[in-house]
Amino acid sequence: MSATNHQSLLGLNSCSPLHLASDAIRQALSGVNPALSPDTFRATINAMRGFQVSNADSVLVTPDIAYGSDVRQKFNWYEPAKQPDFAPSKVLLFVHGGGFVGGDKREPDSPLYDNIGRWAAAHGMYAATINYRLAPQHPWPAGAEDVRLAVEAVAARVRSLIGTPAKVVAMGHSGGAVHVAGAVTLRKPPPEVIGCVLLSGIYDNTVGKPNPAYFGDRPELYSSQSSLPGLALSDIPLFLAVSEHEPIRMHAEAISVMKARLDNEKTLPQFVVLDGNNHYSSVLLLNSVVDLLGPRLLEFFARIDSCCT
């Protein structure tokens, strides 16, 4: 089935039931090897391309705003073209993956990660998709530090726009989830962060060997470089998601965070398994007619809003 025919042949729209969306995703990805590889990444983009929706007229985009002196320290900014009745104070800050050594806030010839910023703005929020310094030139904890800098920058931008403090939800996928988790556990979390969304990340470096390009090759440091202990003791609301068809390690890591929170009598994260998806397709769900993720995120946002007001 060609990408452009997905919606018409499957009868999908943005209000389709979740089980229809899951079936459509399984069908679209049926010929894609779920192994983690550049080929799977590109094949997944091509398979999911026809599910994206257009909202170009309803979202304003400002690209390449600097938040630091390095060429990689920039973000794209998204906001509703028509301001809602109440000025938004929430910002979804998204951090892409790429194995710590690659990736970009705007992947060529793909909806990524423009689709995430557009989804947030279409739902009345501000959004920022960021780049960050890459390994091996910039090892741990550079990525986490860049997320903290970006949080400061987008919070300042919101204050300049509406005159009130920002409420930042930091969201990361794969290596980006590692950076977001690091940003709130290296030391006291940035005060503007009211919640974190972690998709398919690794939080415990003592299980298996972490990527040496970013974390180095000194096992005695792996524990201190892990975000799991900090997440276990943190009161920041967490949303954890994994994909059905991705390495089981990602599932185990999410469960480890939940167990650690439970052991420390902290509020359990909201947890979602994205049916039919592989490691790469989860970030293509937002702003699509097969969005298994967005409704759950909106529920999470509403819950943390009620806790912060």
C-alpha atoms as a PDB file:
ATOM      1  CA  MET A   1       0.000   0.000   0.000  1.00  0.00           C
ATOM      2  CA  SER A   2       1.442   3.393  -0.940  1.00  0.00           C
ATOM      3  CA  ALA A   3       1.816   5.967   1.801  1.00  0.00           C
ATOM      4  CA  THR A   4      -0.614   8.378   0.136  1.00  0.00           C
ATOM      5  CA  ASN A   5      -3.372   5.759   0.171  1.00  0.00           C
ATOM      6  CA  HIS A   6      -3.165   4.836   3.873  1.00  0.00           C
ATOM      7  CA  GLN A   7      -5.866   7.186   5.088  1.00  0.00           C
ATOM      8  CA  SER A   8      -8.415   6.679   2.299  1.00  0.00           C
ATOM      9  CA  LEU A   9      -8.174   2.894   2.146  1.00  0.00           C
ATOM     10  CA  LEU A  10      -8.231   2.390   5.889  1.00  0.00           C
ATOM     11  CA  GLY A  11     -10.916   4.983   6.552  1.00  0.00           C
ATOM     12  CA  LEU A  12      -8.824   6.809   9.133  1.00  0.00           C
ATOM     13  CA  ASN A  13      -9.160  10.306  10.493  1.00  0.00           C
ATOM     14  CA  SER A  14      -7.924  12.123  13.585  1.00  0.00           C
ATOM     15  CA  CYS A  15     -10.873  10.734  15.606  1.00  0.00           C
ATOM     16  CA  SER A  16     -10.406   7.086  14.642  1.00  0.00           C
ATOM     17  CA  PRO A  17     -10.611   4.565  17.529  1.00  0.00           C
ATOM     18  CA  LEU A  18      -7.268   3.490  18.919  1.00  0.00           C
ATOM     19  CA  HIS A  19      -7.698  -0.133  17.866  1.00  0.00           C
ATOM     20  CA  LEU A  20      -8.113   0.959  14.226  1.00  0.00           C
ATOM     21  CA  ALA A  21      -4.973   3.060  14.524  1.00  0.00           C
ATOM     22  CA  SER A  22      -3.040   0.095  15.941  1.00  0.00           C
ATOM     23  CA  ASP A  23      -4.197  -2.136  13.091  1.00  0.00           C
ATOM     24  CA  ALA A  24      -3.210   0.479  10.531  1.00  0.00           C
ATOM     25  CA  ILE A  25       0.248   0.846  12.041  1.00  0.00           C
ATOM     26  CA  ARG A  26       0.782  -2.920  12.055  1.00  0.00           C
ATOM     27  CA  GLN A  27      -0.209  -3.068   8.390  1.00  0.00           C
ATOM     28  CA  ALA A  28       2.015  -0.145   7.412  1.00  0.00           C
ATOM     29  CA  LEU A  29       5.041  -1.553   9.256  1.00  0.00           C
ATOM     30  CA  SER A  30       4.491  -5.203   8.358  1.00  0.00           C
ATOM     31  CA  GLY A  31       7.342  -5.195   5.858  1.00  0.00           C
ATOM     32  CA  VAL A  32       9.767  -3.171   7.990  1.00  0.00           C
ATOM     33  CA  ASN A  33      12.507  -4.951   9.950  1.00  0.00           C
ATOM     34  CA  PRO A  34      12.178  -3.587  13.510  1.00  0.00           C
ATOM     35  CA  ALA A  35      15.920  -3.854  14.243  1.00  0.00           C
ATOM     36  CA  LEU A  36      17.631  -0.624  15.281  1.00  0.00           C
ATOM     37  CA  SER A  37      19.428   0.643  12.178  1.00  0.00           C
ATOM     38  CA  PRO A  38      19.536   3.623   9.797  1.00  0.00           C
ATOM     39  CA  ASP A  39      17.744   1.505   7.198  1.00  0.00           C
ATOM     40  CA  THR A  40      14.879   0.768   9.595  1.00  0.00           C
ATOM     41  CA  PHE A  41      14.687   4.444  10.538  1.00  0.00           C
ATOM     42  CA  ARG A  42      14.280   5.500   6.904  1.00  0.00           C
ATOM     43  CA  ALA A  43      11.925   2.615   6.048  1.00  0.00           C
ATOM     44  CA  THR A  44       9.718   3.524   9.020  1.00  0.00           C
ATOM     45  CA  ILE A  45       9.514   7.148   7.916  1.00  0.00           C
ATOM     46  CA  ASN A  46       8.456   6.059   4.439  1.00  0.00           C
ATOM     47  CA  ALA A  47       5.890   3.580   5.764  1.00  0.00           C
ATOM     48  CA  MET A  48       4.290   6.131   8.113  1.00  0.00           C
ATOM     49  CA  ARG A  49       4.498   9.176   5.853  1.00  0.00           C
ATOM     50  CA  GLY A  50       0.915   8.995   4.573  1.00  0.00           C
ATOM     51  CA  PHE A  51      -0.555   9.201   8.064  1.00  0.00           C
ATOM     52  CA  GLN A  52       0.568  12.765   8.757  1.00  0.00           C
ATOM     53  CA  VAL A  53      -1.986  15.580   8.805  1.00  0.00           C
ATOM     54  CA  SER A  54      -1.463  19.132   7.604  1.00  0.00           C
ATOM     55  CA  ASN A  55      -1.935  22.108   9.880  1.00  0.00           C
ATOM     56  CA  ALA A  56       0.419  24.576   8.213  1.00  0.00           C
ATOM     57  CA  ASP A  57      -2.054  27.460   8.467  1.00  0.00           C
ATOM     58  CA  SER A  58      -2.700  27.030  12.181  1.00  0.00           C
ATOM     59  CA  VAL A  59       0.900  26.959  13.429  1.00  0.00           C
ATOM     60  CA  LEU A  60       3.661  29.577  13.321  1.00  0.00           C
ATOM     61  CA  VAL A  61       7.252  28.296  13.189  1.00  0.00           C
ATOM     62  CA  THR A  62      10.412  30.240  14.001  1.00  0.00           C
ATOM     63  CA  PRO A  63      13.542  28.200  13.179  1.00  0.00           C
ATOM     64  CA  ASP A  64      17.053  28.141  14.590  1.00  0.00           C
ATOM     65  CA  ILE A  65      16.843  30.206  17.745  1.00  0.00           C
ATOM     66  CA  ALA A  66      20.151  30.046  19.611  1.00  0.00           C
ATOM     67  CA  TYR A  67      20.235  29.016  23.261  1.00  0.00           C
ATOM     68  CA  GLY A  68      24.053  28.762  23.502  1.00  0.00           C
ATOM     69  CA  SER A  69      27.228  29.581  21.620  1.00  0.00           C
ATOM     70  CA  ASP A  70      27.741  26.205  19.916  1.00  0.00           C
ATOM     71  CA  VAL A  71      26.363  25.807  16.390  1.00  0.00           C
ATOM     72  CA  ARG A  72      24.269  22.857  17.614  1.00  0.00           C
ATOM     73  CA  GLN A  73      22.652  24.781  20.464  1.00  0.00           C
ATOM     74  CA  LYS A  74      19.546  25.927  18.619  1.00  0.00           C
ATOM     75  CA  PHE A  75      15.837  25.220  18.742  1.00  0.00           C
ATOM     76  CA  ASN A  76      12.844  25.586  16.455  1.00  0.00           C
ATOM     77  CA  TRP A  77       9.884  27.368  18.013  1.00  0.00           C
ATOM     78  CA  TYR A  78       6.180  26.601  17.433  1.00  0.00           C
ATOM     79  CA  GLU A  79       3.117  28.527  18.538  1.00  0.00           C
ATOM     80  CA  PRO A  80      -0.551  28.720  17.585  1.00  0.00           C
ATOM     81  CA  ALA A  81      -1.146  31.040  14.632  1.00  0.00           C
ATOM     82  CA  LYS A  82      -4.330  32.224  16.323  1.00  0.00           C
ATOM     83  CA  GLN A  83      -3.801  32.870  19.975  1.00  0.00           C
ATOM     84  CA  PRO A  84      -6.329  31.043  22.174  1.00  0.00           C
ATOM     85  CA  ASP A  85      -8.563  32.885  24.625  1.00  0.00           C
ATOM     86  CA  PHE A  86      -6.039  32.152  27.373  1.00  0.00           C
ATOM     87  CA  ALA A  87      -2.377  32.713  26.565  1.00  0.00           C
ATOM     88  CA  PRO A  88      -0.562  29.363  26.760  1.00  0.00           C
ATOM     89  CA  SER A  89       2.077  28.979  29.417  1.00  0.00           C
ATOM     90  CA  LYS A  90       2.916  25.330  28.765  1.00  0.00           C
ATOM     91  CA  VAL A  91       5.883  24.484  26.546  1.00  0.00           C
ATOM     92  CA  LEU A  92       6.600  21.047  25.149  1.00  0.00           C
ATOM     93  CA  LEU A  93      10.374  20.844  24.754  1.00  0.00           C
ATOM     94  CA  PHE A  94      11.354  17.881  22.572  1.00  0.00           C
ATOM     95  CA  VAL A  95      14.815  16.257  22.436  1.00  0.00           C
ATOM     96  CA  HIS A  96      15.538  13.941  19.501  1.00  0.00           C
ATOM     97  CA  GLY A  97      17.456  10.672  19.576  1.00  0.00           C
ATOM     98  CA  GLY A  98      20.350   9.532  17.414  1.00  0.00           C
ATOM     99  CA  GLY A  99      22.585   7.300  19.487  1.00  0.00           C
ATOM    100  CA  PHE A 100      24.194  10.383  21.119  1.00  0.00           C
ATOM    101  CA  VAL A 101      26.244  10.961  17.952  1.00  0.00           C
ATOM    102  CA  GLY A 102      23.663  12.094  15.388  1.00  0.00           C
ATOM    103  CA  GLY A 103      20.156  13.269  14.680  1.00  0.00           C
ATOM    104  CA  ASP A 104      18.608  16.673  14.132  1.00  0.00           C
ATOM    105  CA  LYS A 105      15.580  18.661  15.225  1.00  0.00           C
ATOM    106  CA  ARG A 106      14.484  18.671  11.582  1.00  0.00           C
ATOM    107  CA  GLU A 107      15.291  15.414   9.787  1.00  0.00           C
ATOM    108  CA  PRO A 108      15.580  15.873   6.001  1.00  0.00           C
ATOM    109  CA  ASP A 109      12.793  14.481   3.798  1.00  0.00           C
ATOM    110  CA  SER A 110      10.611  13.525   6.749  1.00  0.00           C
ATOM    111  CA  PRO A 111       7.957  14.967   9.075  1.00  0.00           C
ATOM    112  CA  LEU A 112      10.390  14.639  11.989  1.00  0.00           C
ATOM    113  CA  TYR A 113      10.469  16.429  14.340  1.00  0.00           C
ATOM    114  CA  ASP A 114       8.400  19.230  12.970  1.00  0.00           C
ATOM    115  CA  ASN A 115       5.343  17.038  13.534  1.00  0.00           C
ATOM    116  CA  ILE A 116       5.832  17.138  17.302  1.00  0.00           C
ATOM    117  CA  GLY A 117       6.070  20.912  17.501  1.00  0.00           C
ATOM    118  CA  ARG A 118       3.074  21.301  15.210  1.00  0.00           C
ATOM    119  CA  TRP A 119       1.008  18.859  17.261  1.00  0.00           C
ATOM    120  CA  ALA A 120       1.685  20.799  20.452  1.00  0.00           C
ATOM    121  CA  ALA A 121       0.888  24.173  18.875  1.00  0.00           C
ATOM    122  CA  ALA A 122      -2.297  22.777  17.325  1.00  0.00           C
ATOM    123  CA  HIS A 123      -3.347  21.851  20.878  1.00  0.00           C
ATOM    124  CA  GLY A 124      -2.797  25.352  22.220  1.00  0.00           C
ATOM    125  CA  MET A 125       0.739  25.007  23.536  1.00  0.00           C
ATOM    126  CA  TYR A 126       4.106  26.452  22.713  1.00  0.00           C
ATOM    127  CA  ALA A 127       6.752  23.973  21.627  1.00  0.00           C
ATOM    128  CA  ALA A 128      10.479  23.809  21.003  1.00  0.00           C
ATOM    129  CA  THR A 129      12.431  21.063  19.251  1.00  0.00           C
ATOM    130  CA  ILE A 130      16.104  21.306  20.112  1.00  0.00           C
ATOM    131  CA  ASN A 131      19.481  20.294  18.805  1.00  0.00           C
ATOM    132  CA  TYR A 132      22.289  19.637  21.250  1.00  0.00           C
ATOM    133  CA  ARG A 133      26.031  18.998  21.183  1.00  0.00           C
ATOM    134  CA  LEU A 134      26.964  15.512  20.022  1.00  0.00           C
ATOM    135  CA  ALA A 135      29.378  12.835  21.180  1.00  0.00           C
ATOM    136  CA  PRO A 136      32.180  11.921  20.986  1.00  0.00           C
ATOM    137  CA  GLN A 137      33.352  15.546  20.830  1.00  0.00           C
ATOM    138  CA  HIS A 138      30.954  16.357  23.674  1.00  0.00           C
ATOM    139  CA  PRO A 139      30.710  13.427  26.125  1.00  0.00           C
ATOM    140  CA  TRP A 140      28.507  13.009  29.210  1.00  0.00           C
ATOM    141  CA  PRO A 141      26.937  15.120  30.611  1.00  0.00           C
ATOM    142  CA  ALA A 142      26.913  17.594  27.678  1.00  0.00           C
ATOM    143  CA  GLY A 143      23.516  16.489  26.337  1.00  0.00           C
ATOM    144  CA  ALA A 144      21.832  16.825  29.711  1.00  0.00           C
ATOM    145  CA  GLU A 145      23.445  20.202  30.303  1.00  0.00           C
ATOM    146  CA  ASP A 146      22.175  21.393  26.920  1.00  0.00           C
ATOM    147  CA  VAL A 147      18.632  20.365  27.820  1.00  0.00           C
ATOM    148  CA  ARG A 148      18.903  22.452  30.974  1.00  0.00           C
ATOM    149  CA  LEU A 149      20.143  25.445  28.943  1.00  0.00           C
ATOM    150  CA  ALA A 150      17.306  25.006  26.458  1.00  0.00           C
ATOM    151  CA  VAL A 151      14.750  24.909  29.283  1.00  0.00           C
ATOM    152  CA  GLU A 152      16.083  28.243  30.537  1.00  0.00           C
ATOM    153  CA  ALA A 153      15.908  29.748  27.049  1.00  0.00           C
ATOM    154  CA  VAL A 154      12.357  28.663  26.245  1.00  0.00           C
ATOM    155  CA  ALA A 155      11.174  29.713  29.710  1.00  0.00           C
ATOM    156  CA  ALA A 156      12.656  33.154  29.129  1.00  0.00           C
ATOM    157  CA  ARG A 157      10.935  33.314  25.747  1.00  0.00           C
ATOM    158  CA  VAL A 158       7.558  32.529  27.294  1.00  0.00           C
ATOM    159  CA  ARG A 159       8.066  35.177  29.970  1.00  0.00           C
ATOM    160  CA  SER A 160       8.857  37.732  27.252  1.00  0.00           C
ATOM    161  CA  LEU A 161       5.754  36.755  25.269  1.00  0.00           C
ATOM    162  CA  ILE A 162       3.100  36.577  27.990  1.00  0.00           C
ATOM    163  CA  GLY A 163       4.745  37.928  31.130  1.00  0.00           C
ATOM    164  CA  THR A 164       4.108  34.839  33.255  1.00  0.00           C
ATOM    165  CA  PRO A 165       6.296  31.857  34.207  1.00  0.00           C
ATOM    166  CA  ALA A 166       6.521  28.955  31.791  1.00  0.00           C
ATOM    167  CA  LYS A 167       5.473  25.395  32.541  1.00  0.00           C
ATOM    168  CA  VAL A 168       7.891  23.171  30.644  1.00  0.00           C
ATOM    169  CA  VAL A 169       7.240  19.527  29.868  1.00  0.00           C
ATOM    170  CA  ALA A 170      10.544  18.016  28.716  1.00  0.00           C
ATOM    171  CA  MET A 171      10.112  15.139  26.268  1.00  0.00           C
ATOM    172  CA  GLY A 172      12.822  12.943  24.786  1.00  0.00           C
ATOM    173  CA  HIS A 173      13.041   9.880  22.574  1.00  0.00           C
ATOM    174  CA  SER A 174      15.760   7.204  22.793  1.00  0.00           C
ATOM    175  CA  GLY A 175      19.041   9.061  23.394  1.00  0.00           C
ATOM    176  CA  GLY A 176      16.974  12.211  23.847  1.00  0.00           C
ATOM    177  CA  ALA A 177      15.089  10.521  26.694  1.00  0.00           C
ATOM    178  CA  VAL A 178      18.459   9.791  28.319  1.00  0.00           C
ATOM    179  CA  HIS A 179      19.347  13.483  28.075  1.00  0.00           C
ATOM    180  CA  VAL A 180      16.007  14.616  29.511  1.00  0.00           C
ATOM    181  CA  ALA A 181      16.331  12.160  32.402  1.00  0.00           C
ATOM    182  CA  GLY A 182      19.868  13.393  32.993  1.00  0.00           C
ATOM    183  CA  ALA A 183      18.778  17.013  32.925  1.00  0.00           C
ATOM    184  CA  VAL A 184      16.423  16.532  35.878  1.00  0.00           C
ATOM    185  CA  THR A 185      18.696  14.239  37.908  1.00  0.00           C
ATOM    186  CA  LEU A 186      22.210  15.698  37.497  1.00  0.00           C
ATOM    187  CA  ARG A 187      21.271  18.156  40.217  1.00  0.00           C
ATOM    188  CA  LYS A 188      18.126  19.957  41.315  1.00  0.00           C
ATOM    189  CA  PRO A 189      15.682  19.990  38.376  1.00  0.00           C
ATOM    190  CA  PRO A 190      15.072  23.295  36.589  1.00  0.00           C
ATOM    191  CA  PRO A 191      12.150  24.911  38.409  1.00  0.00           C
ATOM    192  CA  GLU A 192      10.223  25.443  35.171  1.00  0.00           C
ATOM    193  CA  VAL A 193       9.997  21.696  34.446  1.00  0.00           C
ATOM    194  CA  ILE A 194       6.633  20.383  35.620  1.00  0.00           C
ATOM    195  CA  GLY A 195       6.864  16.939  34.026  1.00  0.00           C
ATOM    196  CA  CYS A 196       8.911  14.659  31.782  1.00  0.00           C
ATOM    197  CA  VAL A 197       7.924  12.388  28.905  1.00  0.00           C
ATOM    198  CA  LEU A 198      10.467   9.621  28.335  1.00  0.00           C
ATOM    199  CA  LEU A 199      10.112   7.451  25.224  1.00  0.00           C
ATOM    200  CA  SER A 200      12.236   4.311  24.914  1.00  0.00           C
ATOM    201  CA  GLY A 201      15.235   5.454  26.929  1.00  0.00           C
ATOM    202  CA  ILE A 202      18.007   3.808  28.952  1.00  0.00           C
ATOM    203  CA  TYR A 203      18.244   4.950  32.568  1.00  0.00           C
ATOM    204  CA  ASP A 204      20.479   2.380  34.280  1.00  0.00           C
ATOM    205  CA  ASN A 205      24.004   2.156  32.874  1.00  0.00           C
ATOM    206  CA  THR A 206      24.949  -0.670  35.234  1.00  0.00           C
ATOM    207  CA  VAL A 207      22.868  -3.109  33.156  1.00  0.00           C
ATOM    208  CA  GLY A 208      24.739  -3.828  29.941  1.00  0.00           C
ATOM    209  CA  LYS A 209      27.380  -1.504  28.529  1.00  0.00           C
ATOM    210  CA  PRO A 210      26.374   2.088  27.754  1.00  0.00           C
ATOM    211  CA  ASN A 211      27.394   3.809  24.544  1.00  0.00           C
ATOM    212  CA  PRO A 212      31.109   4.596  25.012  1.00  0.00           C
ATOM    213  CA  ALA A 213      30.970   7.514  22.568  1.00  0.00           C
ATOM    214  CA  TYR A 214      28.947   9.455  25.134  1.00  0.00           C
ATOM    215  CA  PHE A 215      29.528   7.748  28.469  1.00  0.00           C
ATOM    216  CA  GLY A 216      33.164   6.727  28.013  1.00  0.00           C
ATOM    217  CA  ASP A 217      34.599   3.358  28.939  1.00  0.00           C
ATOM    218  CA  ARG A 218      35.054   3.490  32.699  1.00  0.00           C
ATOM    219  CA  PRO A 219      32.713   0.988  34.394  1.00  0.00           C
ATOM    220  CA  GLU A 220      33.370   2.523  37.806  1.00  0.00           C
ATOM    221  CA  LEU A 221      31.503   5.633  36.591  1.00  0.00           C
ATOM    222  CA  TYR A 222      28.470   3.902  35.087  1.00  0.00           C
ATOM    223  CA  SER A 223      26.419   4.089  38.276  1.00  0.00           C
ATOM    224  CA  SER A 224      27.013   7.810  38.796  1.00  0.00           C
ATOM    225  CA  GLN A 225      26.172   8.434  35.122  1.00  0.00           C
ATOM    226  CA  SER A 226      22.814   6.667  35.468  1.00  0.00           C
ATOM    227  CA  SER A 227      19.617   8.650  35.904  1.00  0.00           C
ATOM    228  CA  LEU A 228      17.691   5.800  37.569  1.00  0.00           C
ATOM    229  CA  PRO A 229      18.671   6.677  41.171  1.00  0.00           C
ATOM    230  CA  GLY A 230      17.621  10.277  40.662  1.00  0.00           C
ATOM    231  CA  LEU A 231      14.376   9.360  38.925  1.00  0.00           C
ATOM    232  CA  ALA A 232      13.578   6.993  41.789  1.00  0.00           C
ATOM    233  CA  LEU A 233      13.776   9.798  44.353  1.00  0.00           C
ATOM    234  CA  SER A 234      12.330  12.614  42.245  1.00  0.00           C
ATOM    235  CA  ASP A 235       8.838  14.021  42.651  1.00  0.00           C
ATOM    236  CA  ILE A 236       8.654  15.171  39.019  1.00  0.00           C
ATOM    237  CA  PRO A 237       5.667  13.554  37.268  1.00  0.00           C
ATOM    238  CA  LEU A 238       6.802  11.062  34.640  1.00  0.00           C
ATOM    239  CA  PHE A 239       5.206   9.648  31.521  1.00  0.00           C
ATOM    240  CA  LEU A 240       6.976   6.533  30.218  1.00  0.00           C
ATOM    241  CA  ALA A 241       6.289   4.925  26.856  1.00  0.00           C
ATOM    242  CA  VAL A 242       7.792   2.025  24.949  1.00  0.00           C
ATOM    243  CA  SER A 243       6.977   0.489  21.570  1.00  0.00           C
ATOM    244  CA  GLU A 244       5.746  -3.063  21.165  1.00  0.00           C
ATOM    245  CA  HIS A 245       8.392  -3.974  18.581  1.00  0.00           C
ATOM    246  CA  GLU A 246      11.651  -2.663  19.967  1.00  0.00           C
ATOM    247  CA  PRO A 247      14.433  -4.203  22.065  1.00  0.00           C
ATOM    248  CA  ILE A 248      13.093  -5.629  25.312  1.00  0.00           C
ATOM    249  CA  ARG A 249      15.771  -3.622  27.135  1.00  0.00           C
ATOM    250  CA  MET A 250      13.644  -0.501  26.662  1.00  0.00           C
ATOM    251  CA  HIS A 251      10.688  -2.252  28.311  1.00  0.00           C
ATOM    252  CA  ALA A 252      12.871  -3.425  31.196  1.00  0.00           C
ATOM    253  CA  GLU A 253      14.246   0.081  31.727  1.00  0.00           C
ATOM    254  CA  ALA A 254      10.773   1.607  31.985  1.00  0.00           C
ATOM    255  CA  ILE A 255       9.706  -1.097  34.425  1.00  0.00           C
ATOM    256  CA  SER A 256      12.853  -0.451  36.481  1.00  0.00           C
ATOM    257  CA  VAL A 257      11.902   3.212  36.816  1.00  0.00           C
ATOM    258  CA  MET A 258       8.392   2.281  37.925  1.00  0.00           C
ATOM    259  CA  LYS A 259       9.663  -0.228  40.473  1.00  0.00           C
ATOM    260  CA  ALA A 260      12.207   2.240  41.822  1.00  0.00           C
ATOM    261  CA  ARG A 261       9.489   4.855  42.226  1.00  0.00           C
ATOM    262  CA  LEU A 262       7.288   2.314  43.992  1.00  0.00           C
ATOM    263  CA  ASP A 263      10.100   1.221  46.315  1.00  0.00           C
ATOM    264  CA  ASN A 264      10.634   4.845  47.310  1.00  0.00           C
ATOM    265  CA  GLU A 265       6.906   5.520  47.771  1.00  0.00           C
ATOM    266  CA  LYS A 266       6.855   8.087  44.988  1.00  0.00           C
ATOM    267  CA  THR A 267       4.035   8.686  42.542  1.00  0.00           C
ATOM    268  CA  LEU A 268       4.091   6.025  39.828  1.00  0.00           C
ATOM    269  CA  PRO A 269       4.715   7.178  36.258  1.00  0.00           C
ATOM    270  CA  GLN A 270       1.995   6.947  33.669  1.00  0.00           C
ATOM    271  CA  PHE A 271       3.052   4.010  31.447  1.00  0.00           C
ATOM    272  CA  VAL A 272       2.021   3.192  27.891  1.00  0.00           C
ATOM    273  CA  VAL A 273       2.969   0.411  25.465  1.00  0.00           C
ATOM    274  CA  LEU A 274       2.438   1.670  21.922  1.00  0.00           C
ATOM    275  CA  ASP A 275       0.837  -1.263  20.125  1.00  0.00           C
ATOM    276  CA  GLY A 276       2.156  -2.152  16.693  1.00  0.00           C
ATOM    277  CA  ASN A 277       4.962   0.393  16.794  1.00  0.00           C
ATOM    278  CA  ASN A 278       8.709  -0.014  16.432  1.00  0.00           C
ATOM    279  CA  HIS A 279      11.427   2.083  18.033  1.00  0.00           C
ATOM    280  CA  TYR A 280      11.235   4.802  15.393  1.00  0.00           C
ATOM    281  CA  SER A 281       7.532   4.996  14.620  1.00  0.00           C
ATOM    282  CA  SER A 282       6.527   6.259  18.071  1.00  0.00           C
ATOM    283  CA  VAL A 283       7.763   9.780  17.305  1.00  0.00           C
ATOM    284  CA  LEU A 284       5.784   9.778  14.045  1.00  0.00           C
ATOM    285  CA  LEU A 285       2.471   9.276  15.836  1.00  0.00           C
ATOM    286  CA  LEU A 286       1.931  12.887  16.876  1.00  0.00           C
ATOM    287  CA  ASN A 287       0.162  15.007  14.266  1.00  0.00           C
ATOM    288  CA  SER A 288      -1.099  11.897  12.492  1.00  0.00           C
ATOM    289  CA  VAL A 289      -4.354   9.990  11.997  1.00  0.00           C
ATOM    290  CA  VAL A 290      -2.903   6.992  13.848  1.00  0.00           C
ATOM    291  CA  ASP A 291      -1.999   8.894  16.990  1.00  0.00           C
ATOM    292  CA  LEU A 292      -1.879   6.405  19.840  1.00  0.00           C
ATOM    293  CA  LEU A 293       0.316   8.748  21.873  1.00  0.00           C
ATOM    294  CA  GLY A 294      -1.242  12.211  21.760  1.00  0.00           C
ATOM    295  CA  PRO A 295      -4.458  11.470  23.687  1.00  0.00           C
ATOM    296  CA  ARG A 296      -2.423   9.888  26.496  1.00  0.00           C
ATOM    297  CA  LEU A 297      -0.079  12.873  26.580  1.00  0.00           C
ATOM    298  CA  LEU A 298      -3.000  15.287  26.835  1.00  0.00           C
ATOM    299  CA  GLU A 299      -4.324  13.300  29.804  1.00  0.00           C
ATOM    300  CA  PHE A 300      -0.888  13.491  31.438  1.00  0.00           C
ATOM    301  CA  PHE A 301      -0.659  17.241  30.794  1.00  0.00           C
ATOM    302  CA  ALA A 302      -4.083  17.797  32.346  1.00  0.00           C
ATOM    303  CA  ARG A 303      -3.069  15.788  35.408  1.00  0.00           C
ATOM    304  CA  ILE A 304       0.141  17.683  36.013  1.00  0.00           C
ATOM    305  CA  ASP A 305      -1.598  20.992  35.336  1.00  0.00           C
ATOM    306  CA  SER A 306      -3.990  20.231  38.182  1.00  0.00           C
ATOM    307  CA  CYS A 307      -1.013  19.511  40.458  1.00  0.00           C
ATOM    308  CA  CYS A 308       0.742  22.763  39.585  1.00  0.00           C
ATOM    309  CA  THR A 309      -2.153  25.173  39.992  1.00  0.00           C
END
